C-alpha atoms as a PDB file:
ATOM      1  CA  MET A   1     -98.841 -64.404 -10.462  1.00  0.00           C
ATOM      2  CA  SER A   2     -98.332 -60.643 -10.125  1.00  0.00           C
ATOM      3  CA  TRP A   3    -100.736 -58.795 -12.446  1.00  0.00           C
ATOM      4  CA  ARG A   4     -98.729 -55.627 -11.969  1.00  0.00           C
ATOM      5  CA  ALA A   5     -95.567 -57.316 -13.235  1.00  0.00           C
ATOM      6  CA  PHE A   6     -97.547 -58.800 -16.133  1.00  0.00           C
ATOM      7  CA  GLY A   7     -99.019 -55.426 -17.115  1.00  0.00           C
ATOM      8  CA  GLU A   8     -95.725 -53.591 -16.824  1.00  0.00           C
ATOM      9  CA  ALA A   9     -93.872 -56.192 -18.890  1.00  0.00           C
ATOM     10  CA  PHE A  10     -96.620 -56.320 -21.530  1.00  0.00           C
ATOM     11  CA  VAL A  11     -96.952 -52.561 -22.024  1.00  0.00           C
ATOM     12  CA  THR A  12     -93.199 -51.941 -21.968  1.00  0.00           C
ATOM     13  CA  LEU A  13     -92.400 -54.656 -24.494  1.00  0.00           C
ATOM     14  CA  VAL A  14     -95.276 -53.809 -26.847  1.00  0.00           C
ATOM     15  CA  VAL A  15     -93.953 -50.252 -27.044  1.00  0.00           C
ATOM     16  CA  ILE A  16     -90.328 -51.339 -27.520  1.00  0.00           C
ATOM     17  CA  MET A  17     -90.925 -54.247 -29.917  1.00  0.00           C
ATOM     18  CA  ASP A  18     -93.532 -52.230 -31.850  1.00  0.00           C
ATOM     19  CA  PRO A  19     -95.314 -54.980 -33.843  1.00  0.00           C
ATOM     20  CA  LEU A  20     -97.114 -52.478 -36.114  1.00  0.00           C
ATOM     21  CA  GLY A  21     -93.922 -50.580 -36.882  1.00  0.00           C
ATOM     22  CA  SER A  22     -92.090 -53.832 -37.633  1.00  0.00           C
ATOM     23  CA  ALA A  23     -94.733 -54.995 -40.131  1.00  0.00           C
ATOM     24  CA  PRO A  24     -93.590 -52.843 -43.103  1.00  0.00           C
ATOM     25  CA  ILE A  25     -89.969 -53.895 -42.529  1.00  0.00           C
ATOM     26  CA  PHE A  26     -91.143 -57.508 -42.489  1.00  0.00           C
ATOM     27  CA  ILE A  27     -92.952 -56.912 -45.813  1.00  0.00           C
ATOM     28  CA  THR A  28     -89.777 -55.474 -47.371  1.00  0.00           C
ATOM     29  CA  LEU A  29     -87.499 -58.256 -46.128  1.00  0.00           C
ATOM     30  CA  THR A  30     -89.802 -61.070 -47.252  1.00  0.00           C
ATOM     31  CA  ALA A  31     -90.916 -59.535 -50.582  1.00  0.00           C
ATOM     32  CA  GLY A  32     -91.310 -62.083 -53.363  1.00  0.00           C
ATOM     33  CA  ARG A  33     -91.572 -65.096 -51.078  1.00  0.00           C
ATOM     34  CA  PRO A  34     -94.567 -67.434 -51.122  1.00  0.00           C
ATOM     35  CA  VAL A  35     -97.337 -66.735 -48.607  1.00  0.00           C
ATOM     36  CA  ALA A  36     -96.543 -69.910 -46.653  1.00  0.00           C
ATOM     37  CA  ALA A  37     -92.880 -68.912 -46.350  1.00  0.00           C
ATOM     38  CA  ARG A  38     -93.847 -65.418 -45.138  1.00  0.00           C
ATOM     39  CA  ARG A  39     -96.162 -66.875 -42.501  1.00  0.00           C
ATOM     40  CA  ARG A  40     -93.476 -69.269 -41.351  1.00  0.00           C
ATOM     41  CA  ALA A  41     -90.979 -66.376 -41.139  1.00  0.00           C
ATOM     42  CA  ALA A  42     -93.475 -64.299 -39.102  1.00  0.00           C
ATOM     43  CA  LEU A  43     -94.061 -67.088 -36.586  1.00  0.00           C
ATOM     44  CA  GLU A  44     -90.373 -67.975 -36.388  1.00  0.00           C
ATOM     45  CA  ALA A  45     -89.320 -64.331 -35.861  1.00  0.00           C
ATOM     46  CA  ALA A  46     -91.860 -63.883 -33.059  1.00  0.00           C
ATOM     47  CA  ALA A  47     -90.940 -67.189 -31.401  1.00  0.00           C
ATOM     48  CA  VAL A  48     -87.176 -66.610 -31.575  1.00  0.00           C
ATOM     49  CA  ALA A  49     -87.545 -63.020 -30.323  1.00  0.00           C
ATOM     50  CA  GLY A  50     -89.702 -64.254 -27.438  1.00  0.00           C
ATOM     51  CA  GLY A  51     -87.231 -67.000 -26.613  1.00  0.00           C
ATOM     52  CA  LEU A  52     -84.316 -64.557 -26.561  1.00  0.00           C
ATOM     53  CA  VAL A  53     -86.176 -62.112 -24.328  1.00  0.00           C
ATOM     54  CA  VAL A  54     -87.169 -64.900 -21.893  1.00  0.00           C
ATOM     55  CA  VAL A  55     -83.573 -66.184 -21.738  1.00  0.00           C
ATOM     56  CA  PHE A  56     -82.276 -62.688 -20.981  1.00  0.00           C
ATOM     57  CA  ALA A  57     -85.053 -62.123 -18.450  1.00  0.00           C
ATOM     58  CA  LEU A  58     -83.964 -65.224 -16.544  1.00  0.00           C
ATOM     59  CA  PHE A  59     -80.214 -65.379 -17.180  1.00  0.00           C
ATOM     60  CA  GLY A  60     -79.281 -62.042 -18.803  1.00  0.00           C
ATOM     61  CA  ARG A  61     -77.103 -60.688 -16.039  1.00  0.00           C
ATOM     62  CA  LEU A  62     -75.250 -64.005 -15.720  1.00  0.00           C
ATOM     63  CA  ILE A  63     -74.652 -64.214 -19.495  1.00  0.00           C
ATOM     64  CA  LEU A  64     -73.367 -60.649 -19.805  1.00  0.00           C
ATOM     65  CA  ASP A  65     -71.202 -60.932 -16.684  1.00  0.00           C
ATOM     66  CA  TYR A  66     -69.710 -64.218 -17.906  1.00  0.00           C
ATOM     67  CA  LEU A  67     -68.832 -62.672 -21.278  1.00  0.00           C
ATOM     68  CA  HIS A  68     -67.630 -59.441 -19.608  1.00  0.00           C
ATOM     69  CA  VAL A  69     -70.082 -57.492 -21.776  1.00  0.00           C
ATOM     70  CA  SER A  70     -72.031 -54.507 -20.503  1.00  0.00           C
ATOM     71  CA  VAL A  71     -75.635 -53.740 -21.413  1.00  0.00           C
ATOM     72  CA  GLU A  72     -74.296 -50.551 -23.035  1.00  0.00           C
ATOM     73  CA  SER A  73     -71.984 -52.546 -25.336  1.00  0.00           C
ATOM     74  CA  LEU A  74     -74.917 -54.727 -26.311  1.00  0.00           C
ATOM     75  CA  THR A  75     -76.969 -51.591 -26.992  1.00  0.00           C
ATOM     76  CA  ILE A  76     -74.278 -50.081 -29.241  1.00  0.00           C
ATOM     77  CA  ALA A  77     -73.904 -53.347 -31.186  1.00  0.00           C
ATOM     78  CA  GLY A  78     -77.683 -53.595 -31.670  1.00  0.00           C
ATOM     79  CA  GLY A  79     -77.818 -49.966 -32.766  1.00  0.00           C
ATOM     80  CA  MET A  80     -75.126 -50.560 -35.379  1.00  0.00           C
ATOM     81  CA  LEU A  81     -76.935 -53.623 -36.750  1.00  0.00           C
ATOM     82  CA  LEU A  82     -80.197 -51.677 -37.000  1.00  0.00           C
ATOM     83  CA  LEU A  83     -78.355 -48.806 -38.699  1.00  0.00           C
ATOM     84  CA  LEU A  84     -77.128 -51.147 -41.431  1.00  0.00           C
ATOM     85  CA  VAL A  85     -80.705 -52.281 -42.107  1.00  0.00           C
ATOM     86  CA  ALA A  86     -81.922 -48.659 -42.066  1.00  0.00           C
ATOM     87  CA  LEU A  87     -79.263 -47.572 -44.591  1.00  0.00           C
ATOM     88  CA  GLN A  88     -80.351 -50.322 -46.959  1.00  0.00           C
ATOM     89  CA  MET A  89     -83.944 -49.127 -46.671  1.00  0.00           C
ATOM     90  CA  LEU A  90     -82.983 -45.475 -47.270  1.00  0.00           C
ATOM     91  CA  ARG A  91     -80.906 -46.302 -50.338  1.00  0.00           C
ATOM     92  CA  GLY A  92     -83.710 -48.327 -51.802  1.00  0.00           C
ATOM     93  CA  GLU A  93     -81.483 -51.367 -52.031  1.00  0.00           C
ATOM     94  CA  GLU A  94     -83.095 -54.729 -52.577  1.00  0.00           C
ATOM     95  CA  MET A  95     -83.637 -55.964 -49.056  1.00  0.00           C
ATOM     96  CA  ALA A  96     -85.549 -59.110 -49.903  1.00  0.00           C
ATOM     97  CA  GLN A  97     -83.174 -61.970 -49.262  1.00  0.00           C
ATOM     98  CA  PRO A  98     -82.897 -65.248 -51.151  1.00  0.00           C
ATOM     99  CA  GLU A  99     -85.091 -67.969 -49.707  1.00  0.00           C
ATOM    100  CA  THR A 100     -82.002 -69.684 -48.307  1.00  0.00           C
ATOM    101  CA  ALA A 101     -81.373 -66.638 -46.068  1.00  0.00           C
ATOM    102  CA  ASN A 102     -83.296 -66.751 -42.808  1.00  0.00           C
ATOM    103  CA  VAL A 103     -84.392 -63.140 -42.275  1.00  0.00           C
ATOM    104  CA  ALA A 104     -86.622 -64.336 -39.433  1.00  0.00           C
ATOM    105  CA  LEU A 105     -83.518 -64.653 -37.251  1.00  0.00           C
ATOM    106  CA  VAL A 106     -81.507 -61.593 -38.364  1.00  0.00           C
ATOM    107  CA  PRO A 107     -82.553 -58.804 -38.569  1.00  0.00           C
ATOM    108  CA  LEU A 108     -86.196 -59.535 -37.605  1.00  0.00           C
ATOM    109  CA  ALA A 109     -85.967 -61.556 -34.378  1.00  0.00           C
ATOM    110  CA  THR A 110     -82.832 -59.688 -33.366  1.00  0.00           C
ATOM    111  CA  PRO A 111     -82.029 -56.837 -33.252  1.00  0.00           C
ATOM    112  CA  LEU A 112     -85.376 -55.510 -34.541  1.00  0.00           C
ATOM    113  CA  LEU A 113     -87.806 -57.267 -32.160  1.00  0.00           C
ATOM    114  CA  ALA A 114     -85.574 -58.624 -29.393  1.00  0.00           C
ATOM    115  CA  GLY A 115     -83.139 -55.744 -29.513  1.00  0.00           C
ATOM    116  CA  PRO A 116     -81.059 -54.151 -26.787  1.00  0.00           C
ATOM    117  CA  GLY A 117     -84.042 -52.107 -25.623  1.00  0.00           C
ATOM    118  CA  ALA A 118     -86.214 -55.178 -25.030  1.00  0.00           C
ATOM    119  CA  ILE A 119     -83.353 -57.101 -23.441  1.00  0.00           C
ATOM    120  CA  ALA A 120     -82.425 -54.248 -21.100  1.00  0.00           C
ATOM    121  CA  ALA A 121     -86.105 -53.716 -20.203  1.00  0.00           C
ATOM    122  CA  VAL A 122     -86.725 -57.328 -19.154  1.00  0.00           C
ATOM    123  CA  MET A 123     -83.492 -57.414 -17.181  1.00  0.00           C
ATOM    124  CA  VAL A 124     -84.640 -54.339 -15.261  1.00  0.00           C
ATOM    125  CA  LEU A 125     -88.135 -55.826 -14.739  1.00  0.00           C
ATOM    126  CA  THR A 126     -86.845 -59.148 -13.419  1.00  0.00           C
ATOM    127  CA  ARG A 127     -84.570 -57.249 -11.041  1.00  0.00           C
ATOM    128  CA  ARG A 128     -87.592 -55.226  -9.859  1.00  0.00           C
ATOM    129  CA  TYR A 129     -89.822 -58.310  -9.427  1.00  0.00           C
ATOM    130  CA  GLU A 130     -87.500 -60.865  -7.868  1.00  0.00           C
ATOM    131  CA  ASP A 131     -90.162 -62.990  -6.143  1.00  0.00           C
ATOM    132  CA  ALA A 132     -91.771 -65.977  -7.874  1.00  0.00           C
ATOM    133  CA  PRO A 133     -95.172 -64.317  -8.631  1.00  0.00           C
ATOM    134  CA  GLY A 134     -93.358 -61.317 -10.096  1.00  0.00           C
ATOM    135  CA  ARG A 135     -91.100 -63.447 -12.286  1.00  0.00           C
ATOM    136  CA  ILE A 136     -94.110 -65.463 -13.504  1.00  0.00           C
ATOM    137  CA  GLY A 137     -95.932 -62.220 -14.312  1.00  0.00           C
ATOM    138  CA  VAL A 138     -92.984 -60.923 -16.338  1.00  0.00           C
ATOM    139  CA  ILE A 139     -92.617 -64.198 -18.278  1.00  0.00           C
ATOM    140  CA  LEU A 140     -96.371 -64.341 -19.031  1.00  0.00           C
ATOM    141  CA  GLY A 141     -96.196 -60.690 -20.132  1.00  0.00           C
ATOM    142  CA  ILE A 142     -93.411 -61.604 -22.564  1.00  0.00           C
ATOM    143  CA  ILE A 143     -95.466 -64.517 -23.936  1.00  0.00           C
ATOM    144  CA  ALA A 144     -98.490 -62.232 -24.440  1.00  0.00           C
ATOM    145  CA  VAL A 145     -96.325 -59.747 -26.362  1.00  0.00           C
ATOM    146  CA  VAL A 146     -94.952 -62.560 -28.548  1.00  0.00           C
ATOM    147  CA  VAL A 147     -98.541 -63.448 -29.506  1.00  0.00           C
ATOM    148  CA  VAL A 148     -99.263 -59.792 -30.382  1.00  0.00           C
ATOM    149  CA  VAL A 149     -96.056 -59.571 -32.444  1.00  0.00           C
ATOM    150  CA  ALA A 150     -96.885 -62.794 -34.313  1.00  0.00           C
ATOM    151  CA  VAL A 151    -100.373 -61.523 -35.153  1.00  0.00           C
ATOM    152  CA  GLY A 152     -98.942 -58.182 -36.305  1.00  0.00           C
ATOM    153  CA  LEU A 153     -96.437 -59.847 -38.632  1.00  0.00           C
ATOM    154  CA  LEU A 154     -99.038 -62.289 -39.968  1.00  0.00           C
ATOM    155  CA  LEU A 155    -101.341 -59.358 -40.792  1.00  0.00           C
ATOM    156  CA  ALA A 156     -98.454 -57.650 -42.613  1.00  0.00           C
ATOM    157  CA  ASP A 157     -99.087 -60.051 -45.486  1.00  0.00           C
ATOM    158  CA  GLN A 158    -102.683 -58.764 -45.764  1.00  0.00           C
ATOM    159  CA  ILE A 159    -101.437 -55.167 -45.693  1.00  0.00           C
ATOM    160  CA  ALA A 160     -99.022 -55.939 -48.532  1.00  0.00           C
ATOM    161  CA  ARG A 161    -101.916 -57.069 -50.725  1.00  0.00           C
ATOM    162  CA  LEU A 162    -103.821 -53.819 -50.151  1.00  0.00           C
ATOM    163  CA  LEU A 163    -100.947 -51.398 -50.752  1.00  0.00           C
ATOM    164  CA  ARG A 164     -99.441 -50.493 -54.110  1.00  0.00           C
ATOM    165  CA  PRO A 165     -95.700 -51.136 -54.598  1.00  0.00           C
ATOM    166  CA  SER A 166     -95.065 -47.365 -54.792  1.00  0.00           C
ATOM    167  CA  VAL A 167     -96.717 -46.868 -51.380  1.00  0.00           C
ATOM    168  CA  ILE A 168     -94.638 -49.669 -49.868  1.00  0.00           C
ATOM    169  CA  GLN A 169     -91.485 -48.058 -51.322  1.00  0.00           C
ATOM    170  CA  LEU A 170     -92.425 -44.712 -49.785  1.00  0.00           C
ATOM    171  CA  LEU A 171     -93.142 -46.341 -46.416  1.00  0.00           C
ATOM    172  CA  THR A 172     -89.833 -48.197 -46.638  1.00  0.00           C
ATOM    173  CA  ARG A 173     -87.899 -44.917 -47.079  1.00  0.00           C
ATOM    174  CA  VAL A 174     -89.766 -43.172 -44.243  1.00  0.00           C
ATOM    175  CA  LEU A 175     -89.359 -46.149 -41.921  1.00  0.00           C
ATOM    176  CA  GLY A 176     -85.702 -46.388 -42.900  1.00  0.00           C
ATOM    177  CA  LEU A 177     -85.225 -42.812 -41.718  1.00  0.00           C
ATOM    178  CA  LEU A 178     -87.048 -43.506 -38.440  1.00  0.00           C
ATOM    179  CA  LEU A 179     -85.171 -46.772 -37.933  1.00  0.00           C
ATOM    180  CA  SER A 180     -81.837 -45.016 -38.478  1.00  0.00           C
ATOM    181  CA  ALA A 181     -82.821 -42.398 -35.868  1.00  0.00           C
ATOM    182  CA  ILE A 182     -83.734 -45.183 -33.395  1.00  0.00           C
ATOM    183  CA  ALA A 183     -80.415 -46.928 -34.094  1.00  0.00           C
ATOM    184  CA  VAL A 184     -78.415 -43.732 -33.548  1.00  0.00           C
ATOM    185  CA  GLN A 185     -80.376 -43.024 -30.354  1.00  0.00           C
ATOM    186  CA  PHE A 186     -79.474 -46.496 -29.043  1.00  0.00           C
ATOM    187  CA  ILE A 187     -75.801 -45.656 -29.561  1.00  0.00           C
ATOM    188  CA  ILE A 188     -76.079 -42.133 -28.074  1.00  0.00           C
ATOM    189  CA  ASP A 189     -77.885 -43.401 -24.958  1.00  0.00           C
ATOM    190  CA  ALA A 190     -75.260 -46.072 -24.370  1.00  0.00           C
ATOM    191  CA  VAL A 191     -72.383 -43.619 -24.870  1.00  0.00           C
ATOM    192  CA  LYS A 192     -73.998 -41.179 -22.409  1.00  0.00           C
ATOM    193  CA  ILE A 193     -74.237 -43.890 -19.743  1.00  0.00           C
ATOM    194  CA  ILE A 194     -70.608 -44.908 -20.334  1.00  0.00           C
ATOM    195  CA  ALA A 195     -69.463 -41.264 -20.174  1.00  0.00           C
ATOM    196  CA  VAL A 196     -71.177 -40.715 -16.802  1.00  0.00           C
ATOM    197  CA  ARG A 197     -69.331 -43.633 -15.214  1.00  0.00           C
END
């Protein structure tokens, strides 16, 4: 195993997936659900996000080429999905979904955790480390990040107990603004790359 590949994958994905920054959004989306359901959603979101990132690390280029989709198109689509979530947060709309809705898959697992940034990053890393030890290092780095993300989302439930509803509402608005900026930046970056071509 390549420790360099492991470290690079771990640090890059922790920054992009941002488990601490995702925790308040997780709290908002799962508000009113039983503790067991919130824990299950946290574990499922982390597992699905990890699975998606691993699949794209191994087969991303093949999948996108087969579908005739560029990484930039994927980035714009992810940015638009995140922007919709951000607008809901900014408007103060009720984001908590009925228990039949699986928020662990969308928008938590994707595009929030396993978004275009994470997907593009692992595709670049697997291209950089094409030998077997490098690939193993990248995959183990992804698994380590999934564990960190799961722990972060599980601790979000504890944070929710400590904070007043008014504080959570304030955090939701602020994070909605930041999330909208991230979403717009995804789109701008992709458009810039397309314009250069």
